[in-house]
Amino acid sequence: MTLTGANGDQIYLVYSGSAPFPAPGTEGSIIVADIDFEVTGGTGRFEGATGGGEMTAYIVFAGFGVPAWPARWVWEGTVTL
């Protein structure tokens, strides 16, 4: 994952996690994904950045035929420059 600041500087992350697979007919339900991330560097003011933490994604299952599902991400962790 790449996060980009307003000035174009970037932070690079690697992440892994899991979420339950939604069942047919459960459109509108919330899927909770638990994800760990690690900061692996960056550009500009984020060059050499390290850190990591956890993310939780709350994803609204809009249905298998819908290409984009709304989500809210909650982050907790640190970035050290």
Protein backbone atom coordinates (compact mmCIF):
# COMPACT_ATOMS: atom_id res chain seq x y z
CA MET A 1 0.00 0.00 0.00
CA THR A 2 1.21 3.52 -0.71
CA LEU A 3 -0.04 6.57 1.21
CA THR A 4 0.57 9.93 -0.46
CA GLY A 5 0.79 13.25 1.40
CA ALA A 6 -0.52 16.56 0.06
CA ASN A 7 2.97 17.46 -1.21
CA GLY A 8 3.44 14.10 -3.00
CA ASP A 9 5.73 12.47 -0.41
CA GLN A 10 4.84 8.81 0.10
CA ILE A 11 4.88 6.17 2.84
CA TYR A 12 5.12 2.50 1.81
CA LEU A 13 3.36 -0.25 3.75
CA VAL A 14 3.04 -4.01 3.51
CA TYR A 15 0.02 -5.59 5.12
CA SER A 16 -1.76 -8.89 5.70
CA GLY A 17 -5.04 -9.82 7.25
CA SER A 18 -8.29 -11.61 6.86
CA ALA A 19 -12.04 -11.17 6.77
CA PRO A 20 -14.90 -13.64 6.65
CA PHE A 21 -16.34 -14.34 3.21
CA PRO A 22 -19.85 -12.87 2.94
CA ALA A 23 -22.79 -15.20 2.37
CA PRO A 24 -25.24 -14.62 -0.48
CA GLY A 25 -28.29 -12.70 0.65
CA THR A 26 -26.45 -10.74 3.35
CA GLU A 27 -26.16 -7.50 1.37
CA GLY A 28 -25.98 -4.49 3.67
CA SER A 29 -24.22 -6.40 6.44
CA ILE A 30 -20.87 -5.27 7.85
CA ILE A 31 -17.75 -7.36 7.27
CA VAL A 32 -14.93 -6.77 9.78
CA ALA A 33 -11.37 -7.26 8.49
CA ASP A 34 -8.40 -7.38 10.88
CA ILE A 35 -5.11 -6.33 9.27
CA ASP A 36 -1.51 -5.93 10.47
CA PHE A 37 0.74 -3.45 8.65
CA GLU A 38 4.44 -2.61 8.56
CA VAL A 39 5.94 0.66 7.33
CA THR A 40 8.77 -0.18 4.91
CA GLY A 41 10.03 3.27 3.89
CA GLY A 42 8.98 6.21 1.84
CA THR A 43 10.02 9.23 -0.19
CA GLY A 44 10.79 12.85 0.71
CA ARG A 45 10.19 13.56 4.38
CA PHE A 46 9.15 9.90 4.83
CA GLU A 47 12.40 8.45 3.48
CA GLY A 48 13.65 5.79 5.88
CA ALA A 49 10.32 5.64 7.76
CA THR A 50 9.66 2.57 9.91
CA GLY A 51 6.84 1.43 12.15
CA GLY A 52 3.65 -0.52 11.99
CA GLY A 53 0.41 -1.37 13.68
CA GLU A 54 -3.07 -2.67 13.13
CA MET A 55 -5.97 -1.66 10.93
CA THR A 56 -9.59 -2.68 11.22
CA ALA A 57 -11.81 -2.30 8.18
CA TYR A 58 -15.59 -2.12 8.49
CA ILE A 59 -16.84 -3.00 5.01
CA VAL A 60 -20.46 -2.76 3.87
CA PHE A 61 -21.17 -5.85 1.77
CA ALA A 62 -22.95 -4.35 -1.24
CA GLY A 63 -23.32 -7.64 -3.12
CA PHE A 64 -21.18 -9.77 -5.39
CA GLY A 65 -22.32 -7.88 -8.53
CA VAL A 66 -21.24 -4.49 -7.15
CA PRO A 67 -17.60 -3.58 -7.98
CA ALA A 68 -17.01 -1.22 -5.00
CA TRP A 69 -18.03 -1.65 -1.38
CA PRO A 70 -18.02 1.29 1.08
CA ALA A 71 -15.63 0.90 4.01
CA ARG A 72 -14.35 2.70 7.09
CA TRP A 73 -10.75 2.07 8.17
CA VAL A 74 -9.53 2.48 11.75
CA TRP A 75 -5.74 2.69 12.12
CA GLU A 76 -3.61 2.30 15.25
CA GLY A 77 0.18 2.28 15.16
CA THR A 78 3.31 4.34 14.80
CA VAL A 79 5.52 5.84 12.12
CA THR A 80 9.08 6.75 13.05
CA LEU A 81 11.10 9.09 10.85
